[in-house]
PDB file of all heavy atoms in Angstrom:
ATOM      1  N   ALA A   1      13.335  -2.536  -3.904  1.00  0.00           N
ATOM      2  CA  ALA A   1      13.644  -3.757  -4.661  1.00  0.00           C
ATOM      3  C   ALA A   1      14.191  -4.848  -3.745  1.00  0.00           C
ATOM      4  O   ALA A   1      13.879  -6.034  -3.913  1.00  0.00           O
ATOM      5  CB  ALA A   1      14.643  -3.440  -5.772  1.00  0.00           C
ATOM      6  N   ALA A   2      15.007  -4.461  -2.765  1.00  0.00           N
ATOM      7  CA  ALA A   2      15.566  -5.438  -1.836  1.00  0.00           C
ATOM      8  C   ALA A   2      14.519  -5.921  -0.836  1.00  0.00           C
ATOM      9  O   ALA A   2      14.557  -7.082  -0.401  1.00  0.00           O
ATOM     10  CB  ALA A   2      16.757  -4.829  -1.100  1.00  0.00           C
ATOM     11  N   PHE A   3      13.594  -5.039  -0.463  1.00  0.00           N
ATOM     12  CA  PHE A   3      12.599  -5.401   0.543  1.00  0.00           C
ATOM     13  C   PHE A   3      11.432  -6.190  -0.051  1.00  0.00           C
ATOM     14  O   PHE A   3      10.791  -6.975   0.651  1.00  0.00           O
ATOM     15  CB  PHE A   3      12.056  -4.131   1.213  1.00  0.00           C
ATOM     16  CG  PHE A   3      11.059  -4.399   2.298  1.00  0.00           C
ATOM     17  CD1 PHE A   3      11.438  -4.993   3.495  1.00  0.00           C
ATOM     18  CD2 PHE A   3       9.718  -4.080   2.118  1.00  0.00           C
ATOM     19  CE1 PHE A   3      10.519  -5.261   4.489  1.00  0.00           C
ATOM     20  CE2 PHE A   3       8.785  -4.342   3.113  1.00  0.00           C
ATOM     21  CZ  PHE A   3       9.186  -4.928   4.297  1.00  0.00           C
ATOM     22  N   ARG A   4      11.167  -6.001  -1.324  1.00  0.00           N
ATOM     23  CA  ARG A   4       9.979  -6.620  -1.934  1.00  0.00           C
ATOM     24  C   ARG A   4       9.915  -8.136  -1.747  1.00  0.00           C
ATOM     25  O   ARG A   4       8.841  -8.666  -1.447  1.00  0.00           O
ATOM     26  CB  ARG A   4       9.898  -6.247  -3.415  1.00  0.00           C
ATOM     27  CG  ARG A   4       8.680  -6.845  -4.110  1.00  0.00           C
ATOM     28  CD  ARG A   4       8.378  -6.172  -5.420  1.00  0.00           C
ATOM     29  NE  ARG A   4       7.321  -6.869  -6.140  1.00  0.00           N
ATOM     30  CZ  ARG A   4       6.514  -6.303  -7.022  1.00  0.00           C
ATOM     31  NH1 ARG A   4       6.640  -5.006  -7.292  1.00  0.00           N
ATOM     32  NH2 ARG A   4       5.583  -6.994  -7.635  1.00  0.00           N
ATOM     33  N   PRO A   5      11.004  -8.904  -1.908  1.00  0.00           N
ATOM     34  CA  PRO A   5      10.896 -10.354  -1.692  1.00  0.00           C
ATOM     35  C   PRO A   5      10.451 -10.723  -0.280  1.00  0.00           C
ATOM     36  O   PRO A   5       9.691 -11.683  -0.095  1.00  0.00           O
ATOM     37  CB  PRO A   5      12.307 -10.861  -1.977  1.00  0.00           C
ATOM     38  CG  PRO A   5      12.892  -9.840  -2.884  1.00  0.00           C
ATOM     39  CD  PRO A   5      12.345  -8.537  -2.427  1.00  0.00           C
ATOM     40  N   LEU A   6      10.905  -9.976   0.718  1.00  0.00           N
ATOM     41  CA  LEU A   6      10.470 -10.232   2.089  1.00  0.00           C
ATOM     42  C   LEU A   6       8.985  -9.948   2.235  1.00  0.00           C
ATOM     43  O   LEU A   6       8.244 -10.707   2.880  1.00  0.00           O
ATOM     44  CB  LEU A   6      11.267  -9.358   3.064  1.00  0.00           C
ATOM     45  CG  LEU A   6      12.755  -9.661   3.215  1.00  0.00           C
ATOM     46  CD1 LEU A   6      13.406  -8.623   4.119  1.00  0.00           C
ATOM     47  CD2 LEU A   6      12.959 -11.062   3.767  1.00  0.00           C
ATOM     48  N   LEU A   7       8.546  -8.843   1.646  1.00  0.00           N
ATOM     49  CA  LEU A   7       7.135  -8.484   1.711  1.00  0.00           C
ATOM     50  C   LEU A   7       6.274  -9.527   1.008  1.00  0.00           C
ATOM     51  O   LEU A   7       5.232  -9.946   1.531  1.00  0.00           O
ATOM     52  CB  LEU A   7       6.941  -7.108   1.076  1.00  0.00           C
ATOM     53  CG  LEU A   7       5.518  -6.551   1.044  1.00  0.00           C
ATOM     54  CD1 LEU A   7       4.954  -6.419   2.454  1.00  0.00           C
ATOM     55  CD2 LEU A   7       5.497  -5.201   0.322  1.00  0.00           C
ATOM     56  N   GLU A   8       6.704  -9.970  -0.149  1.00  0.00           N
ATOM     57  CA  GLU A   8       5.937 -10.974  -0.894  1.00  0.00           C
ATOM     58  C   GLU A   8       5.875 -12.294  -0.132  1.00  0.00           C
ATOM     59  O   GLU A   8       4.830 -12.972  -0.136  1.00  0.00           O
ATOM     60  CB  GLU A   8       6.547 -11.169  -2.277  1.00  0.00           C
ATOM     61  CG  GLU A   8       6.353  -9.971  -3.190  1.00  0.00           C
ATOM     62  CD  GLU A   8       7.037 -10.138  -4.533  1.00  0.00           C
ATOM     63  OE1 GLU A   8       8.043 -10.883  -4.605  1.00  0.00           O
ATOM     64  OE2 GLU A   8       6.565  -9.521  -5.506  1.00  0.00           O
ATOM     65  N   ALA A   9       6.954 -12.660   0.530  1.00  0.00           N
ATOM     66  CA  ALA A   9       6.955 -13.892   1.318  1.00  0.00           C
ATOM     67  C   ALA A   9       5.937 -13.820   2.446  1.00  0.00           C
ATOM     68  O   ALA A   9       5.222 -14.795   2.728  1.00  0.00           O
ATOM     69  CB  ALA A   9       8.353 -14.149   1.880  1.00  0.00           C
ATOM     70  N   ALA A  10       5.841 -12.659   3.083  1.00  0.00           N
ATOM     71  CA  ALA A  10       4.867 -12.484   4.161  1.00  0.00           C
ATOM     72  C   ALA A  10       3.441 -12.554   3.621  1.00  0.00           C
ATOM     73  O   ALA A  10       2.569 -13.204   4.206  1.00  0.00           O
ATOM     74  CB  ALA A  10       5.102 -11.146   4.855  1.00  0.00           C
ATOM     75  N   LEU A  11       3.203 -11.917   2.494  1.00  0.00           N
ATOM     76  CA  LEU A  11       1.855 -11.883   1.917  1.00  0.00           C
ATOM     77  C   LEU A  11       1.410 -13.262   1.433  1.00  0.00           C
ATOM     78  O   LEU A  11       0.217 -13.577   1.443  1.00  0.00           O
ATOM     79  CB  LEU A  11       1.818 -10.888   0.758  1.00  0.00           C
ATOM     80  CG  LEU A  11       1.981  -9.410   1.149  1.00  0.00           C
ATOM     81  CD1 LEU A  11       2.293  -8.571  -0.082  1.00  0.00           C
ATOM     82  CD2 LEU A  11       0.728  -8.889   1.848  1.00  0.00           C
ATOM     83  N   GLU A  12       2.363 -14.067   1.025  1.00  0.00           N
ATOM     84  CA  GLU A  12       2.031 -15.408   0.544  1.00  0.00           C
ATOM     85  C   GLU A  12       1.832 -16.400   1.687  1.00  0.00           C
ATOM     86  O   GLU A  12       1.192 -17.441   1.513  1.00  0.00           O
ATOM     87  CB  GLU A  12       3.143 -15.918  -0.380  1.00  0.00           C
ATOM     88  CG  GLU A  12       3.217 -15.164  -1.710  1.00  0.00           C
ATOM     89  CD  GLU A  12       4.461 -15.500  -2.510  1.00  0.00           C
ATOM     90  OE1 GLU A  12       5.239 -16.363  -2.034  1.00  0.00           O
ATOM     91  OE2 GLU A  12       4.652 -14.905  -3.585  1.00  0.00           O
ATOM     92  N   ALA A  13       2.368 -16.090   2.861  1.00  0.00           N
ATOM     93  CA  ALA A  13       2.334 -17.034   3.977  1.00  0.00           C
ATOM     94  C   ALA A  13       0.960 -17.136   4.621  1.00  0.00           C
ATOM     95  O   ALA A  13       0.554 -18.209   5.075  1.00  0.00           O
ATOM     96  CB  ALA A  13       3.367 -16.621   5.032  1.00  0.00           C
ATOM     97  N   THR A  14       0.236 -16.026   4.668  1.00  0.00           N
ATOM     98  CA  THR A  14      -1.064 -16.023   5.331  1.00  0.00           C
ATOM     99  C   THR A  14      -1.848 -14.795   4.894  1.00  0.00           C
ATOM    100  O   THR A  14      -1.329 -13.944   4.156  1.00  0.00           O
ATOM    101  CB  THR A  14      -0.902 -16.016   6.866  1.00  0.00           C
ATOM    102  OG1 THR A  14      -2.172 -16.241   7.485  1.00  0.00           O
ATOM    103  CG2 THR A  14      -0.335 -14.700   7.364  1.00  0.00           C
ATOM    104  N   GLU A  15      -3.073 -14.699   5.334  1.00  0.00           N
ATOM    105  CA  GLU A  15      -3.903 -13.553   4.957  1.00  0.00           C
ATOM    106  C   GLU A  15      -3.504 -12.328   5.781  1.00  0.00           C
ATOM    107  O   GLU A  15      -3.500 -12.363   7.007  1.00  0.00           O
ATOM    108  CB  GLU A  15      -5.383 -13.875   5.192  1.00  0.00           C
ATOM    109  CG  GLU A  15      -6.314 -12.756   4.778  1.00  0.00           C
ATOM    110  CD  GLU A  15      -7.773 -13.123   4.961  1.00  0.00           C
ATOM    111  OE1 GLU A  15      -8.064 -14.313   5.237  1.00  0.00           O
ATOM    112  OE2 GLU A  15      -8.633 -12.227   4.840  1.00  0.00           O
ATOM    113  N   ILE A  16      -3.179 -11.252   5.095  1.00  0.00           N
ATOM    114  CA  ILE A  16      -2.802  -9.991   5.726  1.00  0.00           C
ATOM    115  C   ILE A  16      -3.884  -8.961   5.406  1.00  0.00           C
ATOM    116  O   ILE A  16      -4.283  -8.818   4.252  1.00  0.00           O
ATOM    117  CB  ILE A  16      -1.443  -9.478   5.214  1.00  0.00           C
ATOM    118  CG1 ILE A  16      -0.360 -10.556   5.342  1.00  0.00           C
ATOM    119  CG2 ILE A  16      -1.044  -8.198   5.935  1.00  0.00           C
ATOM    120  CD1 ILE A  16      -0.024 -10.943   6.744  1.00  0.00           C
ATOM    121  N   ALA A  17      -4.338  -8.249   6.411  1.00  0.00           N
ATOM    122  CA  ALA A  17      -5.372  -7.243   6.181  1.00  0.00           C
ATOM    123  C   ALA A  17      -4.792  -5.904   5.769  1.00  0.00           C
ATOM    124  O   ALA A  17      -5.379  -5.177   4.960  1.00  0.00           O
ATOM    125  CB  ALA A  17      -6.224  -7.063   7.440  1.00  0.00           C
ATOM    126  N   CYS A  18      -3.641  -5.554   6.338  1.00  0.00           N
ATOM    127  CA  CYS A  18      -3.111  -4.216   6.149  1.00  0.00           C
ATOM    128  C   CYS A  18      -1.597  -4.208   6.285  1.00  0.00           C
ATOM    129  O   CYS A  18      -1.040  -4.949   7.096  1.00  0.00           O
ATOM    130  CB  CYS A  18      -3.741  -3.287   7.199  1.00  0.00           C
ATOM    131  SG  CYS A  18      -3.357  -1.559   6.985  1.00  0.00           S
ATOM    132  N   VAL A  19      -0.953  -3.383   5.476  1.00  0.00           N
ATOM    133  CA  VAL A  19       0.489  -3.177   5.575  1.00  0.00           C
ATOM    134  C   VAL A  19       0.741  -1.681   5.725  1.00  0.00           C
ATOM    135  O   VAL A  19       0.327  -0.889   4.871  1.00  0.00           O
ATOM    136  CB  VAL A  19       1.233  -3.707   4.332  1.00  0.00           C
ATOM    137  CG1 VAL A  19       2.723  -3.364   4.422  1.00  0.00           C
ATOM    138  CG2 VAL A  19       1.028  -5.207   4.181  1.00  0.00           C
ATOM    139  N   LEU A  20       1.402  -1.313   6.813  1.00  0.00           N
ATOM    140  CA  LEU A  20       1.804   0.082   7.022  1.00  0.00           C
ATOM    141  C   LEU A  20       3.230   0.229   6.514  1.00  0.00           C
ATOM    142  O   LEU A  20       4.168  -0.339   7.072  1.00  0.00           O
ATOM    143  CB  LEU A  20       1.722   0.463   8.497  1.00  0.00           C
ATOM    144  CG  LEU A  20       2.247   1.856   8.869  1.00  0.00           C
ATOM    145  CD1 LEU A  20       1.514   2.945   8.107  1.00  0.00           C
ATOM    146  CD2 LEU A  20       2.134   2.091  10.374  1.00  0.00           C
ATOM    147  N   LEU A  21       3.377   0.972   5.433  1.00  0.00           N
ATOM    148  CA  LEU A  21       4.678   1.143   4.801  1.00  0.00           C
ATOM    149  C   LEU A  21       5.397   2.347   5.398  1.00  0.00           C
ATOM    150  O   LEU A  21       4.906   3.475   5.346  1.00  0.00           O
ATOM    151  CB  LEU A  21       4.506   1.335   3.293  1.00  0.00           C
ATOM    152  CG  LEU A  21       5.777   1.607   2.487  1.00  0.00           C
ATOM    153  CD1 LEU A  21       6.775   0.458   2.638  1.00  0.00           C
ATOM    154  CD2 LEU A  21       5.427   1.847   1.020  1.00  0.00           C
ATOM    155  N   ARG A  22       6.553   2.073   5.961  1.00  0.00           N
ATOM    156  CA  ARG A  22       7.412   3.136   6.495  1.00  0.00           C
ATOM    157  C   ARG A  22       8.598   3.284   5.552  1.00  0.00           C
ATOM    158  O   ARG A  22       9.248   2.301   5.209  1.00  0.00           O
ATOM    159  CB  ARG A  22       7.877   2.785   7.903  1.00  0.00           C
ATOM    160  CG  ARG A  22       6.733   2.555   8.876  1.00  0.00           C
ATOM    161  CD  ARG A  22       7.236   2.004  10.201  1.00  0.00           C
ATOM    162  NE  ARG A  22       8.130   2.960  10.838  1.00  0.00           N
ATOM    163  CZ  ARG A  22       9.230   2.615  11.507  1.00  0.00           C
ATOM    164  NH1 ARG A  22       9.576   1.352  11.616  1.00  0.00           N
ATOM    165  NH2 ARG A  22      10.000   3.545  12.067  1.00  0.00           N
ATOM    166  N   LEU A  23       8.869   4.504   5.140  1.00  0.00           N
ATOM    167  CA  LEU A  23       9.936   4.760   4.190  1.00  0.00           C
ATOM    168  C   LEU A  23      11.056   5.554   4.831  1.00  0.00           C
ATOM    169  O   LEU A  23      10.826   6.369   5.726  1.00  0.00           O
ATOM    170  CB  LEU A  23       9.392   5.519   2.977  1.00  0.00           C
ATOM    171  CG  LEU A  23       8.356   4.755   2.136  1.00  0.00           C
ATOM    172  CD1 LEU A  23       7.763   5.662   1.073  1.00  0.00           C
ATOM    173  CD2 LEU A  23       8.983   3.516   1.496  1.00  0.00           C
ATOM    174  N   ALA A  24      12.276   5.321   4.356  1.00  0.00           N
ATOM    175  CA  ALA A  24      13.440   5.993   4.923  1.00  0.00           C
ATOM    176  C   ALA A  24      13.598   7.413   4.389  1.00  0.00           C
ATOM    177  O   ALA A  24      14.360   8.197   4.934  1.00  0.00           O
ATOM    178  CB  ALA A  24      14.702   5.184   4.641  1.00  0.00           C
ATOM    179  N   THR A  25      12.888   7.739   3.312  1.00  0.00           N
ATOM    180  CA  THR A  25      13.008   9.055   2.705  1.00  0.00           C
ATOM    181  C   THR A  25      11.754   9.891   2.951  1.00  0.00           C
ATOM    182  O   THR A  25      10.672   9.344   3.148  1.00  0.00           O
ATOM    183  CB  THR A  25      13.231   8.943   1.184  1.00  0.00           C
ATOM    184  OG1 THR A  25      13.375  10.253   0.630  1.00  0.00           O
ATOM    185  CG2 THR A  25      12.043   8.262   0.511  1.00  0.00           C
ATOM    186  N   SER A  26      11.929  11.214   2.922  1.00  0.00           N
ATOM    187  CA  SER A  26      10.787  12.124   3.010  1.00  0.00           C
ATOM    188  C   SER A  26      10.628  12.918   1.721  1.00  0.00           C
ATOM    189  O   SER A  26       9.730  13.755   1.619  1.00  0.00           O
ATOM    190  CB  SER A  26      10.962  13.088   4.191  1.00  0.00           C
ATOM    191  OG  SER A  26      12.153  13.848   4.039  1.00  0.00           O
ATOM    192  N   ASP A  27      11.480  12.644   0.731  1.00  0.00           N
ATOM    193  CA  ASP A  27      11.381  13.312  -0.555  1.00  0.00           C
ATOM    194  C   ASP A  27      10.131  12.833  -1.291  1.00  0.00           C
ATOM    195  O   ASP A  27       9.967  11.634  -1.523  1.00  0.00           O
ATOM    196  CB  ASP A  27      12.627  13.019  -1.390  1.00  0.00           C
ATOM    197  CG  ASP A  27      12.580  13.667  -2.758  1.00  0.00           C
ATOM    198  OD1 ASP A  27      13.005  14.837  -2.865  1.00  0.00           O
ATOM    199  OD2 ASP A  27      12.084  13.015  -3.702  1.00  0.00           O
TER     200      ASP A  27
END
């Protein structure tokens, strides 16, 4: 929830082909 605004800002700024999502949990 905290990271989503940053991600949306990046996606709106220019064309992105791919996002590699790294997560802090392994559950």
